[in-house]
Amino acid sequence: MGGALPRWRLYLLFALVSVATRGPFLGFAILNVDEAAHVVGSWELMRGGRLYVDYADHKPPLTYVHYALAQALLGRGMLAVRLFTTLFTLPLTALALSAFYRHDRRGVAAGALYLLYGAAFLAPDMHAVNSEVLMLLPAAWALVAVRDAASAARPPRTLASGVLLALAALFKPQAAFWGPAIAWSAWRAAASLRARSLALGALAAGFAVPLLATAAVFWRTGALDEFLYWNVTHNLRYAGSGIDGAAALARAAKFLLPFLAVTAPLWWCARRSARELEPHAGRLLAGVLLLSIPPALLGFRLFPHYFIQLYAPLALLAAPQATALARRPWGAAARVALGWTVAVVAGFTAVNLYVLTRTDAIESRRPVVARVPQRLRADPCFDGARLFVWGFAPEFYYSSGLRPASRFVVPAYTVSGYDPGNPDARGAEHLIRDDHWTLLIGDLERNQATYILDTAGSGLHRWRPFPVHRFPRLLALVQREFTLIDTVDGVAIYRRTNCH
């Protein structure tokens, strides 16, 4: 398959591809609402706050650690996070895919395909620093640890694979879906029942260690119950509260079918590569790809960033056939595949830039996101203020720089019943919890919130059905302690009456 390239050269190559495909989007502050929530959570972590107590959302802790690390190294804000991800996280993930094939030509192809096709879809999903992007770094290296039968039969290698997969799950729980494929490949690789037991035991132990260590950290800080609720209980309930069939079909037509069309060459190459792979690698990669499908379909919300988990196994499976196609003279299939790849990467780059710069289709780019903070900065109570945004709009925390007055930076699900992935905006009303309302009101009173923004009038993120006056406990607090000082593009700004 050709000699292996030095790893440092491969890393530089992948970094260049990463910069070429992601560089045009480095200057955009926020690409989607999740990024805004993650960066606000990282700020609380950097202040010494406790995740899930001082900041509560249903993402695992390593997402916020990644954001905090990037800012500690490169400066405060999303530019640092985006740059760190572009220069390190993505190239190192591509390097892991290359390492699966010991950095031969198939490995180079796998890394390149991952980077290129991972940029060839909607920018708010593909170019945002989502948990799915971050989890693939340790998850890909988990595959490298058991890439051949000899490795998969050795307990030290399965132990390492388990540790890496658990780290991936601490970015996004869906990474754990790869576990059965790794376990099955290890079972088939070992020669005896004892060897199989040792390999699987090591895999399970490796997976358990990071999870238990994380639980111990939260137990020491008195936040274990909150950690378990948001990462386990809530996520299970959220995954089980999907959308109806008609809405799922509409989202499939809008997102899933275009994704399949864009990635069609990868699926075709993956199918053609099956005969070229060593049996162990074929079983492992086919299993991982198949087990990446259920997480993408959970709840049938079909957010495009759910598909990111598919890119790594797809690129690995497609690499052998892509390498064969690249040999000269190029046939018709090679020319079509190359042309399609160039077209979708260049096309989506151009379209995404147009949408982000010339339209208001992306909510974080709408004028209201800048105008409301401008109004707040002009207010005499702004310095040292605390903000609470009643709406699915954590961008206001980011653009204003104000510290949240409540842990519920995204007051969805358990507070409002709002489900961002459901056309019926009130689809999660069954998740509302009275004790979370007690926490919310307690946060606002304890932290002496200076401003409350009611975003219902703006229509941002389909929040119109959730105005403050629909929620008696919040309305009573606003009427008792706040005064309406302005309305900007539909966002009502309430200020604490006795602020100075």
Foldseek 3Di string as FASTA:
>chain_A
DADADDLVVLLVVLLVLLCVQQVVPLPDQALALVLLLLLLQLVCVVVVHDELQQANAQFFDVSSVLNNVQCVVPNRGDSSSLSCCSNPLLSLLLSLQCVLVPRGQLSSQLSNQLSLLLSQDACSQSSGSALLSNLSNLQSNLCSLCSDLVSLLDLVSLLSSLLSLLVSCSSPVLSCLLVVLSLVLSCVSHDDPVSSVSSVVSNVVSNVVVVVVVLVVCVVVVRNVSNCCSHPVVVVVLLVLAEDDVLLVVLCVVAVVVSCVLCVLLVVLLVVQLVVDDVSNSSSLVSQLVSLVVQCCRSSLNDVNSCSSNSNSSSSSNSVSLSVCPDPPHDPSSVVVVVSSVCSSVVNVVVNVCCQPPHCPRVLSDPLLQVVLVVLVPDPQNVQAEEAEPASHSSNCVNNVHRHLANPSGCDQQDQCADLSYPPRNSRVVRHDPVVVVRGVVSCVVSVHFKYKFQLQQCPSNNVVPGQVVPVVSVVCCVVFWDFDDADNGITIIGGPPRD
